[in-house]
PDB file of all heavy atoms in Angstrom:
ATOM      1  N   SER A   1     143.848 217.177  51.623  1.00  0.00           N
ATOM      2  CA  SER A   1     143.991 218.605  51.347  1.00  0.00           C
ATOM      3  C   SER A   1     145.452 219.029  51.401  1.00  0.00           C
ATOM      4  O   SER A   1     145.939 219.765  50.546  1.00  0.00           O
ATOM      5  CB  SER A   1     143.247 219.372  52.413  1.00  0.00           C
ATOM      6  OG  SER A   1     142.290 220.184  51.977  1.00  0.00           O
ATOM      7  N   VAL A   2     146.141 218.558  52.413  1.00  0.00           N
ATOM      8  CA  VAL A   2     147.562 218.902  52.569  1.00  0.00           C
ATOM      9  C   VAL A   2     148.351 218.293  51.418  1.00  0.00           C
ATOM     10  O   VAL A   2     149.215 218.953  50.823  1.00  0.00           O
ATOM     11  CB  VAL A   2     148.089 218.406  53.935  1.00  0.00           C
ATOM     12  CG1 VAL A   2     149.595 218.501  54.016  1.00  0.00           C
ATOM     13  CG2 VAL A   2     147.451 219.181  55.054  1.00  0.00           C
ATOM     14  N   ASN A   3     148.046 217.034  51.071  1.00  0.00           N
ATOM     15  CA  ASN A   3     148.747 216.393  49.955  1.00  0.00           C
ATOM     16  C   ASN A   3     148.462 217.123  48.652  1.00  0.00           C
ATOM     17  O   ASN A   3     149.354 217.306  47.821  1.00  0.00           O
ATOM     18  CB  ASN A   3     148.323 214.929  49.828  1.00  0.00           C
ATOM     19  CG  ASN A   3     148.930 214.055  50.910  1.00  0.00           C
ATOM     20  OD1 ASN A   3     149.939 214.419  51.494  1.00  0.00           O
ATOM     21  ND2 ASN A   3     148.306 212.922  51.190  1.00  0.00           N
ATOM     22  N   SER A   4     147.207 217.535  48.484  1.00  0.00           N
ATOM     23  CA  SER A   4     146.832 218.264  47.279  1.00  0.00           C
ATOM     24  C   SER A   4     147.561 219.607  47.221  1.00  0.00           C
ATOM     25  O   SER A   4     148.071 220.007  46.164  1.00  0.00           O
ATOM     26  CB  SER A   4     145.321 218.464  47.265  1.00  0.00           C
ATOM     27  OG  SER A   4     144.946 219.258  46.171  1.00  0.00           O
ATOM     28  N   LEU A   5     147.624 220.286  48.340  1.00  0.00           N
ATOM     29  CA  LEU A   5     148.333 221.575  48.387  1.00  0.00           C
ATOM     30  C   LEU A   5     149.830 221.364  48.126  1.00  0.00           C
ATOM     31  O   LEU A   5     150.462 222.129  47.388  1.00  0.00           O
ATOM     32  CB  LEU A   5     148.143 222.243  49.750  1.00  0.00           C
ATOM     33  CG  LEU A   5     146.839 222.978  49.959  1.00  0.00           C
ATOM     34  CD1 LEU A   5     146.731 223.462  51.411  1.00  0.00           C
ATOM     35  CD2 LEU A   5     146.727 224.154  49.020  1.00  0.00           C
ATOM     36  N   ALA A   6     150.412 220.332  48.702  1.00  0.00           N
ATOM     37  CA  ALA A   6     151.833 220.044  48.516  1.00  0.00           C
ATOM     38  C   ALA A   6     152.104 219.696  47.067  1.00  0.00           C
ATOM     39  O   ALA A   6     153.106 220.127  46.480  1.00  0.00           O
ATOM     40  CB  ALA A   6     152.269 218.908  49.434  1.00  0.00           C
ATOM     41  N   GLU A   7     151.175 218.936  46.456  1.00  0.00           N
ATOM     42  CA  GLU A   7     151.359 218.565  45.052  1.00  0.00           C
ATOM     43  C   GLU A   7     151.255 219.786  44.156  1.00  0.00           C
ATOM     44  O   GLU A   7     152.039 219.958  43.229  1.00  0.00           O
ATOM     45  CB  GLU A   7     150.313 217.516  44.653  1.00  0.00           C
ATOM     46  CG  GLU A   7     150.591 216.910  43.295  1.00  0.00           C
ATOM     47  CD  GLU A   7     149.627 215.763  42.982  1.00  0.00           C
ATOM     48  OE1 GLU A   7     149.296 214.983  43.898  1.00  0.00           O
ATOM     49  OE2 GLU A   7     149.224 215.686  41.812  1.00  0.00           O
ATOM     50  N   ARG A   8     150.299 220.657  44.446  1.00  0.00           N
ATOM     51  CA  ARG A   8     150.172 221.889  43.647  1.00  0.00           C
ATOM     52  C   ARG A   8     151.399 222.793  43.836  1.00  0.00           C
ATOM     53  O   ARG A   8     151.886 223.384  42.886  1.00  0.00           O
ATOM     54  CB  ARG A   8     148.897 222.630  44.031  1.00  0.00           C
ATOM     55  CG  ARG A   8     147.697 222.063  43.321  1.00  0.00           C
ATOM     56  CD  ARG A   8     146.492 222.930  43.506  1.00  0.00           C
ATOM     57  NE  ARG A   8     145.808 222.480  44.710  1.00  0.00           N
ATOM     58  CZ  ARG A   8     145.006 223.196  45.456  1.00  0.00           C
ATOM     59  NH1 ARG A   8     144.755 224.444  45.109  1.00  0.00           N
ATOM     60  NH2 ARG A   8     144.444 222.726  46.529  1.00  0.00           N
ATOM     61  N   ALA A   9     151.895 222.861  45.052  1.00  0.00           N
ATOM     62  CA  ALA A   9     153.089 223.669  45.315  1.00  0.00           C
ATOM     63  C   ALA A   9     154.285 223.082  44.575  1.00  0.00           C
ATOM     64  O   ALA A   9     155.101 223.816  43.989  1.00  0.00           O
ATOM     65  CB  ALA A   9     153.371 223.755  46.804  1.00  0.00           C
ATOM     66  N   SER A  10     154.385 221.755  44.598  1.00  0.00           N
ATOM     67  CA  SER A  10     155.483 221.094  43.884  1.00  0.00           C
ATOM     68  C   SER A  10     155.372 221.339  42.382  1.00  0.00           C
ATOM     69  O   SER A  10     156.375 221.633  41.719  1.00  0.00           O
ATOM     70  CB  SER A  10     155.454 219.602  44.196  1.00  0.00           C
ATOM     71  OG  SER A  10     156.393 218.910  43.407  1.00  0.00           O
ATOM     72  N   ASN A  11     154.160 221.229  41.852  1.00  0.00           N
ATOM     73  CA  ASN A  11     153.955 221.490  40.425  1.00  0.00           C
ATOM     74  C   ASN A  11     154.284 222.939  40.075  1.00  0.00           C
ATOM     75  O   ASN A  11     154.887 223.220  39.042  1.00  0.00           O
ATOM     76  CB  ASN A  11     152.516 221.147  40.024  1.00  0.00           C
ATOM     77  CG  ASN A  11     152.251 219.655  40.003  1.00  0.00           C
ATOM     78  OD1 ASN A  11     153.184 218.861  39.927  1.00  0.00           O
ATOM     79  ND2 ASN A  11     150.980 219.269  40.079  1.00  0.00           N
ATOM     80  N   SER A  12     153.864 223.849  40.941  1.00  0.00           N
ATOM     81  CA  SER A  12     154.167 225.270  40.708  1.00  0.00           C
ATOM     82  C   SER A  12     155.678 225.511  40.726  1.00  0.00           C
ATOM     83  O   SER A  12     156.213 226.262  39.911  1.00  0.00           O
ATOM     84  CB  SER A  12     153.497 226.138  41.768  1.00  0.00           C
ATOM     85  OG  SER A  12     152.108 226.145  41.607  1.00  0.00           O
ATOM     86  N   ALA A  13     156.370 224.878  41.667  1.00  0.00           N
ATOM     87  CA  ALA A  13     157.823 225.031  41.753  1.00  0.00           C
ATOM     88  C   ALA A  13     158.492 224.460  40.508  1.00  0.00           C
ATOM     89  O   ALA A  13     159.420 225.068  39.947  1.00  0.00           O
ATOM     90  CB  ALA A  13     158.359 224.349  43.006  1.00  0.00           C
ATOM     91  N   GLN A  14     158.003 223.293  40.055  1.00  0.00           N
ATOM     92  CA  GLN A  14     158.578 222.701  38.842  1.00  0.00           C
ATOM     93  C   GLN A  14     158.308 223.586  37.633  1.00  0.00           C
ATOM     94  O   GLN A  14     159.190 223.778  36.781  1.00  0.00           O
ATOM     95  CB  GLN A  14     158.006 221.296  38.618  1.00  0.00           C
ATOM     96  CG  GLN A  14     158.547 220.269  39.584  1.00  0.00           C
ATOM     97  CD  GLN A  14     157.903 218.896  39.381  1.00  0.00           C
ATOM     98  OE1 GLN A  14     156.965 218.747  38.598  1.00  0.00           O
ATOM     99  NE2 GLN A  14     158.419 217.910  40.103  1.00  0.00           N
ATOM    100  N   ASP A  15     157.112 224.168  37.541  1.00  0.00           N
ATOM    101  CA  ASP A  15     156.791 225.083  36.448  1.00  0.00           C
ATOM    102  C   ASP A  15     157.695 226.322  36.501  1.00  0.00           C
ATOM    103  O   ASP A  15     158.180 226.797  35.473  1.00  0.00           O
ATOM    104  CB  ASP A  15     155.317 225.500  36.509  1.00  0.00           C
ATOM    105  CG  ASP A  15     154.358 224.365  36.147  1.00  0.00           C
ATOM    106  OD1 ASP A  15     154.843 223.369  35.566  1.00  0.00           O
ATOM    107  OD2 ASP A  15     153.150 224.493  36.447  1.00  0.00           O
ATOM    108  N   ALA A  16     157.937 226.826  37.707  1.00  0.00           N
ATOM    109  CA  ALA A  16     158.807 227.999  37.865  1.00  0.00           C
ATOM    110  C   ALA A  16     160.237 227.665  37.455  1.00  0.00           C
ATOM    111  O   ALA A  16     160.911 228.459  36.788  1.00  0.00           O
ATOM    112  CB  ALA A  16     158.763 228.494  39.307  1.00  0.00           C
ATOM    113  N   ILE A  17     160.690 226.471  37.833  1.00  0.00           N
ATOM    114  CA  ILE A  17     162.048 226.051  37.460  1.00  0.00           C
ATOM    115  C   ILE A  17     162.157 225.924  35.949  1.00  0.00           C
ATOM    116  O   ILE A  17     163.122 226.401  35.337  1.00  0.00           O
ATOM    117  CB  ILE A  17     162.421 224.725  38.168  1.00  0.00           C
ATOM    118  CG1 ILE A  17     162.622 224.969  39.660  1.00  0.00           C
ATOM    119  CG2 ILE A  17     163.660 224.103  37.562  1.00  0.00           C
ATOM    120  CD1 ILE A  17     162.773 223.700  40.497  1.00  0.00           C
ATOM    121  N   LYS A  18     161.162 225.285  35.317  1.00  0.00           N
ATOM    122  CA  LYS A  18     161.187 225.145  33.856  1.00  0.00           C
ATOM    123  C   LYS A  18     161.140 226.501  33.173  1.00  0.00           C
ATOM    124  O   LYS A  18     161.837 226.742  32.191  1.00  0.00           O
ATOM    125  CB  LYS A  18     160.014 224.277  33.395  1.00  0.00           C
ATOM    126  CG  LYS A  18     160.178 222.814  33.705  1.00  0.00           C
ATOM    127  CD  LYS A  18     158.968 222.008  33.255  1.00  0.00           C
ATOM    128  CE  LYS A  18     159.131 220.547  33.654  1.00  0.00           C
ATOM    129  NZ  LYS A  18     157.953 219.753  33.321  1.00  0.00           N
ATOM    130  N   SER A  19     160.321 227.401  33.704  1.00  0.00           N
ATOM    131  CA  SER A  19     160.225 228.744  33.126  1.00  0.00           C
ATOM    132  C   SER A  19     161.555 229.489  33.263  1.00  0.00           C
ATOM    133  O   SER A  19     162.024 230.144  32.326  1.00  0.00           O
ATOM    134  CB  SER A  19     159.114 229.517  33.838  1.00  0.00           C
ATOM    135  OG  SER A  19     159.061 230.833  33.391  1.00  0.00           O
ATOM    136  N   THR A  20     162.178 229.352  34.423  1.00  0.00           N
ATOM    137  CA  THR A  20     163.475 230.006  34.653  1.00  0.00           C
ATOM    138  C   THR A  20     164.545 229.406  33.742  1.00  0.00           C
ATOM    139  O   THR A  20     165.354 230.144  33.159  1.00  0.00           O
ATOM    140  CB  THR A  20     163.887 229.858  36.130  1.00  0.00           C
ATOM    141  OG1 THR A  20     162.876 230.421  36.954  1.00  0.00           O
ATOM    142  CG2 THR A  20     165.199 230.539  36.406  1.00  0.00           C
ATOM    143  N   GLN A  21     164.531 228.088  33.603  1.00  0.00           N
ATOM    144  CA  GLN A  21     165.499 227.449  32.705  1.00  0.00           C
ATOM    145  C   GLN A  21     165.297 227.926  31.270  1.00  0.00           C
ATOM    146  O   GLN A  21     166.268 228.189  30.560  1.00  0.00           O
ATOM    147  CB  GLN A  21     165.360 225.922  32.771  1.00  0.00           C
ATOM    148  CG  GLN A  21     165.934 225.305  34.024  1.00  0.00           C
ATOM    149  CD  GLN A  21     165.673 223.813  34.102  1.00  0.00           C
ATOM    150  OE1 GLN A  21     164.764 223.286  33.459  1.00  0.00           O
ATOM    151  NE2 GLN A  21     166.452 223.120  34.925  1.00  0.00           N
ATOM    152  N   GLY A  22     164.048 228.046  30.853  1.00  0.00           N
ATOM    153  CA  GLY A  22     163.769 228.542  29.507  1.00  0.00           C
ATOM    154  C   GLY A  22     164.274 229.968  29.324  1.00  0.00           C
ATOM    155  O   GLY A  22     164.867 230.301  28.299  1.00  0.00           O
ATOM    156  N   ALA A  23     164.049 230.815  30.341  1.00  0.00           N
ATOM    157  CA  ALA A  23     164.510 232.205  30.261  1.00  0.00           C
ATOM    158  C   ALA A  23     166.029 232.270  30.206  1.00  0.00           C
ATOM    159  O   ALA A  23     166.612 233.045  29.441  1.00  0.00           O
ATOM    160  CB  ALA A  23     163.975 233.005  31.453  1.00  0.00           C
ATOM    161  N   VAL A  24     166.689 231.443  31.024  1.00  0.00           N
ATOM    162  CA  VAL A  24     168.161 231.417  31.027  1.00  0.00           C
ATOM    163  C   VAL A  24     168.678 230.927  29.682  1.00  0.00           C
ATOM    164  O   VAL A  24     169.628 231.495  29.117  1.00  0.00           O
ATOM    165  CB  VAL A  24     168.685 230.540  32.192  1.00  0.00           C
ATOM    166  CG1 VAL A  24     170.166 230.245  32.036  1.00  0.00           C
ATOM    167  CG2 VAL A  24     168.417 231.206  33.525  1.00  0.00           C
ATOM    168  N   ASN A  25     168.068 229.880  29.143  1.00  0.00           N
ATOM    169  CA  ASN A  25     168.493 229.365  27.837  1.00  0.00           C
ATOM    170  C   ASN A  25     168.307 230.416  26.753  1.00  0.00           C
ATOM    171  O   ASN A  25     169.180 230.586  25.890  1.00  0.00           O
ATOM    172  CB  ASN A  25     167.721 228.088  27.485  1.00  0.00           C
ATOM    173  CG  ASN A  25     168.185 226.885  28.271  1.00  0.00           C
ATOM    174  OD1 ASN A  25     169.300 226.865  28.778  1.00  0.00           O
ATOM    175  ND2 ASN A  25     167.322 225.889  28.401  1.00  0.00           N
ATOM    176  N   ASP A  26     167.184 231.146  26.788  1.00  0.00           N
ATOM    177  CA  ASP A  26     166.949 232.213  25.800  1.00  0.00           C
ATOM    178  C   ASP A  26     168.003 233.309  25.939  1.00  0.00           C
ATOM    179  O   ASP A  26     168.531 233.805  24.944  1.00  0.00           O
ATOM    180  CB  ASP A  26     165.550 232.801  25.973  1.00  0.00           C
ATOM    181  CG  ASP A  26     164.452 231.836  25.552  1.00  0.00           C
ATOM    182  OD1 ASP A  26     164.767 230.833  24.859  1.00  0.00           O
ATOM    183  OD2 ASP A  26     163.275 232.087  25.914  1.00  0.00           O
ATOM    184  N   ALA A  27     168.315 233.667  27.197  1.00  0.00           N
ATOM    185  CA  ALA A  27     169.323 234.707  27.427  1.00  0.00           C
ATOM    186  C   ALA A  27     170.695 234.251  26.934  1.00  0.00           C
ATOM    187  O   ALA A  27     171.437 235.034  26.319  1.00  0.00           O
ATOM    188  CB  ALA A  27     169.386 235.069  28.916  1.00  0.00           C
ATOM    189  N   LEU A  28     171.045 232.990  27.193  1.00  0.00           N
ATOM    190  CA  LEU A  28     172.337 232.472  26.731  1.00  0.00           C
ATOM    191  C   LEU A  28     172.396 232.417  25.208  1.00  0.00           C
ATOM    192  O   LEU A  28     173.428 232.725  24.610  1.00  0.00           O
ATOM    193  CB  LEU A  28     172.611 231.090  27.329  1.00  0.00           C
ATOM    194  CG  LEU A  28     172.955 231.069  28.819  1.00  0.00           C
ATOM    195  CD1 LEU A  28     173.068 229.636  29.321  1.00  0.00           C
ATOM    196  CD2 LEU A  28     174.229 231.830  29.098  1.00  0.00           C
ATOM    197  N   ASP A  29     171.287 232.008  24.574  1.00  0.00           N
ATOM    198  CA  ASP A  29     171.247 231.994  23.106  1.00  0.00           C
ATOM    199  C   ASP A  29     171.436 233.392  22.551  1.00  0.00           C
ATOM    200  O   ASP A  29     172.167 233.608  21.584  1.00  0.00           O
ATOM    201  CB  ASP A  29     169.924 231.399  22.615  1.00  0.00           C
ATOM    202  CG  ASP A  29     169.822 229.899  22.835  1.00  0.00           C
ATOM    203  OD1 ASP A  29     170.877 229.269  23.092  1.00  0.00           O
ATOM    204  OD2 ASP A  29     168.695 229.366  22.757  1.00  0.00           O
ATOM    205  N   SER A  30     170.768 234.361  23.174  1.00  0.00           N
ATOM    206  CA  SER A  30     170.897 235.750  22.726  1.00  0.00           C
ATOM    207  C   SER A  30     172.326 236.250  22.910  1.00  0.00           C
ATOM    208  O   SER A  30     172.891 236.896  22.027  1.00  0.00           O
ATOM    209  CB  SER A  30     169.928 236.625  23.512  1.00  0.00           C
ATOM    210  OG  SER A  30     170.093 237.973  23.186  1.00  0.00           O
ATOM    211  N   LEU A  31     172.912 235.924  24.060  1.00  0.00           N
ATOM    212  CA  LEU A  31     174.293 236.334  24.328  1.00  0.00           C
ATOM    213  C   LEU A  31     175.248 235.684  23.347  1.00  0.00           C
ATOM    214  O   LEU A  31     176.160 236.336  22.822  1.00  0.00           O
ATOM    215  CB  LEU A  31     174.672 235.970  25.767  1.00  0.00           C
ATOM    216  CG  LEU A  31     176.083 236.322  26.212  1.00  0.00           C
ATOM    217  CD1 LEU A  31     176.297 237.824  26.134  1.00  0.00           C
ATOM    218  CD2 LEU A  31     176.335 235.825  27.620  1.00  0.00           C
ATOM    219  N   SER A  32     175.041 234.409  23.071  1.00  0.00           N
ATOM    220  CA  SER A  32     175.889 233.698  22.118  1.00  0.00           C
ATOM    221  C   SER A  32     175.799 234.333  20.739  1.00  0.00           C
ATOM    222  O   SER A  32     176.808 234.523  20.046  1.00  0.00           O
ATOM    223  CB  SER A  32     175.481 232.230  22.060  1.00  0.00           C
ATOM    224  OG  SER A  32     176.206 231.544  21.073  1.00  0.00           O
ATOM    225  N   GLY A  33     174.577 234.684  20.337  1.00  0.00           N
ATOM    226  CA  GLY A  33     174.402 235.350  19.043  1.00  0.00           C
ATOM    227  C   GLY A  33     175.090 236.703  19.009  1.00  0.00           C
ATOM    228  O   GLY A  33     175.698 237.079  18.009  1.00  0.00           O
ATOM    229  N   SER A  34     175.017 237.442  20.125  1.00  0.00           N
ATOM    230  CA  SER A  34     175.679 238.754  20.192  1.00  0.00           C
ATOM    231  C   SER A  34     177.183 238.612  20.096  1.00  0.00           C
ATOM    232  O   SER A  34     177.853 239.370  19.386  1.00  0.00           O
ATOM    233  CB  SER A  34     175.311 239.462  21.498  1.00  0.00           C
ATOM    234  OG  SER A  34     173.938 239.743  21.540  1.00  0.00           O
ATOM    235  N   VAL A  35     177.731 237.633  20.814  1.00  0.00           N
ATOM    236  CA  VAL A  35     179.188 237.413  20.779  1.00  0.00           C
ATOM    237  C   VAL A  35     179.619 237.033  19.368  1.00  0.00           C
ATOM    238  O   VAL A  35     180.624 237.533  18.856  1.00  0.00           O
ATOM    239  CB  VAL A  35     179.595 236.322  21.804  1.00  0.00           C
ATOM    240  CG1 VAL A  35     181.016 235.862  21.573  1.00  0.00           C
ATOM    241  CG2 VAL A  35     179.424 236.838  23.219  1.00  0.00           C
ATOM    242  N   GLN A  36     178.854 236.163  18.720  1.00  0.00           N
ATOM    243  CA  GLN A  36     179.191 235.759  17.346  1.00  0.00           C
ATOM    244  C   GLN A  36     179.113 236.960  16.410  1.00  0.00           C
ATOM    245  O   GLN A  36     179.964 237.142  15.541  1.00  0.00           O
ATOM    246  CB  GLN A  36     178.246 234.640  16.869  1.00  0.00           C
ATOM    247  CG  GLN A  36     178.627 234.083  15.514  1.00  0.00           C
ATOM    248  CD  GLN A  36     180.025 233.474  15.486  1.00  0.00           C
ATOM    249  OE1 GLN A  36     180.416 232.791  16.414  1.00  0.00           O
ATOM    250  NE2 GLN A  36     180.765 233.726  14.441  1.00  0.00           N
ATOM    251  N   GLY A  37     178.097 237.808  16.612  1.00  0.00           N
ATOM    252  CA  GLY A  37     177.976 239.010  15.785  1.00  0.00           C
ATOM    253  C   GLY A  37     179.157 239.947  15.966  1.00  0.00           C
ATOM    254  O   GLY A  37     179.702 240.491  14.998  1.00  0.00           O
ATOM    255  N   ILE A  38     179.573 240.136  17.215  1.00  0.00           N
ATOM    256  CA  ILE A  38     180.732 240.999  17.493  1.00  0.00           C
ATOM    257  C   ILE A  38     181.987 240.393  16.876  1.00  0.00           C
ATOM    258  O   ILE A  38     182.804 241.105  16.283  1.00  0.00           O
ATOM    259  CB  ILE A  38     180.897 241.190  19.014  1.00  0.00           C
ATOM    260  CG1 ILE A  38     179.764 242.060  19.550  1.00  0.00           C
ATOM    261  CG2 ILE A  38     182.239 241.810  19.345  1.00  0.00           C
ATOM    262  CD1 ILE A  38     179.698 242.121  21.059  1.00  0.00           C
ATOM    263  N   ARG A  39     182.140 239.079  16.996  1.00  0.00           N
ATOM    264  CA  ARG A  39     183.304 238.408  16.412  1.00  0.00           C
ATOM    265  C   ARG A  39     183.316 238.584  14.895  1.00  0.00           C
ATOM    266  O   ARG A  39     184.348 238.853  14.299  1.00  0.00           O
ATOM    267  CB  ARG A  39     183.273 236.918  16.766  1.00  0.00           C
ATOM    268  CG  ARG A  39     184.498 236.173  16.291  1.00  0.00           C
ATOM    269  CD  ARG A  39     184.435 234.701  16.658  1.00  0.00           C
ATOM    270  NE  ARG A  39     184.516 234.560  18.097  1.00  0.00           N
ATOM    271  CZ  ARG A  39     183.929 233.597  18.782  1.00  0.00           C
ATOM    272  NH1 ARG A  39     183.204 232.684  18.187  1.00  0.00           N
ATOM    273  NH2 ARG A  39     184.055 233.537  20.094  1.00  0.00           N
ATOM    274  N   ASP A  40     182.138 238.449  14.270  1.00  0.00           N
ATOM    275  CA  ASP A  40     182.052 238.609  12.817  1.00  0.00           C
ATOM    276  C   ASP A  40     182.380 240.039  12.397  1.00  0.00           C
ATOM    277  O   ASP A  40     183.007 240.268  11.362  1.00  0.00           O
ATOM    278  CB  ASP A  40     180.652 238.230  12.315  1.00  0.00           C
ATOM    279  CG  ASP A  40     180.367 236.733  12.449  1.00  0.00           C
ATOM    280  OD1 ASP A  40     181.336 235.954  12.633  1.00  0.00           O
ATOM    281  OD2 ASP A  40     179.180 236.351  12.387  1.00  0.00           O
ATOM    282  N   GLU A  41     181.954 241.020  13.214  1.00  0.00           N
ATOM    283  CA  GLU A  41     182.249 242.424  12.893  1.00  0.00           C
ATOM    284  C   GLU A  41     183.719 242.750  13.121  1.00  0.00           C
ATOM    285  O   GLU A  41     184.298 243.567  12.414  1.00  0.00           O
ATOM    286  CB  GLU A  41     181.380 243.341  13.747  1.00  0.00           C
ATOM    287  CG  GLU A  41     179.921 243.343  13.348  1.00  0.00           C
ATOM    288  CD  GLU A  41     179.074 244.215  14.249  1.00  0.00           C
ATOM    289  OE1 GLU A  41     179.642 245.087  14.945  1.00  0.00           O
ATOM    290  OE2 GLU A  41     177.846 244.031  14.252  1.00  0.00           O
ATOM    291  N   ALA A  42     184.318 242.140  14.129  1.00  0.00           N
ATOM    292  CA  ALA A  42     185.704 242.464  14.480  1.00  0.00           C
ATOM    293  C   ALA A  42     186.711 241.813  13.540  1.00  0.00           C
ATOM    294  O   ALA A  42     187.814 242.340  13.352  1.00  0.00           O
ATOM    295  CB  ALA A  42     185.995 242.030  15.922  1.00  0.00           C
ATOM    296  N   LYS A  43     186.379 240.698  12.938  1.00  0.00           N
ATOM    297  CA  LYS A  43     187.332 239.978  12.092  1.00  0.00           C
ATOM    298  C   LYS A  43     187.901 240.831  10.968  1.00  0.00           C
ATOM    299  O   LYS A  43     189.112 240.876  10.787  1.00  0.00           O
ATOM    300  CB  LYS A  43     186.694 238.703  11.546  1.00  0.00           C
ATOM    301  CG  LYS A  43     187.695 237.859  10.761  1.00  0.00           C
ATOM    302  CD  LYS A  43     187.111 236.534  10.403  1.00  0.00           C
ATOM    303  CE  LYS A  43     188.011 235.631   9.621  1.00  0.00           C
ATOM    304  NZ  LYS A  43     189.324 236.035   9.277  1.00  0.00           N
ATOM    305  N   PRO A  44     187.065 241.558  10.182  1.00  0.00           N
ATOM    306  CA  PRO A  44     187.663 242.394   9.122  1.00  0.00           C
ATOM    307  C   PRO A  44     188.583 243.478   9.669  1.00  0.00           C
ATOM    308  O   PRO A  44     189.615 243.786   9.074  1.00  0.00           O
ATOM    309  CB  PRO A  44     186.447 243.008   8.418  1.00  0.00           C
ATOM    310  CG  PRO A  44     185.271 242.192   8.811  1.00  0.00           C
ATOM    311  CD  PRO A  44     185.606 241.572  10.130  1.00  0.00           C
ATOM    312  N   VAL A  45     188.226 244.036  10.823  1.00  0.00           N
ATOM    313  CA  VAL A  45     189.071 245.084  11.421  1.00  0.00           C
ATOM    314  C   VAL A  45     190.411 244.488  11.851  1.00  0.00           C
ATOM    315  O   VAL A  45     191.471 245.061  11.582  1.00  0.00           O
ATOM    316  CB  VAL A  45     188.343 245.732  12.627  1.00  0.00           C
ATOM    317  CG1 VAL A  45     189.258 246.700  13.343  1.00  0.00           C
ATOM    318  CG2 VAL A  45     187.074 246.430  12.170  1.00  0.00           C
ATOM    319  N   ILE A  46     190.367 243.333  12.489  1.00  0.00           N
ATOM    320  CA  ILE A  46     191.606 242.679  12.922  1.00  0.00           C
ATOM    321  C   ILE A  46     192.461 242.290  11.716  1.00  0.00           C
ATOM    322  O   ILE A  46     193.677 242.475  11.725  1.00  0.00           O
ATOM    323  CB  ILE A  46     191.271 241.452  13.798  1.00  0.00           C
ATOM    324  CG1 ILE A  46     190.672 241.922  15.115  1.00  0.00           C
ATOM    325  CG2 ILE A  46     192.504 240.596  14.033  1.00  0.00           C
ATOM    326  CD1 ILE A  46     190.090 240.805  15.964  1.00  0.00           C
TER     327      ILE A  46
END
């Protein structure tokens, strides 16, 4: 029972880490796209 609970907790933690990594990657992709968009808009002005 303890091993099963520990394994489920470990799996849950790994799922949470993967979910957090996915969210961070999505946020970084969005930020990168925003920066590129701003750079593209600023180039003609510069």
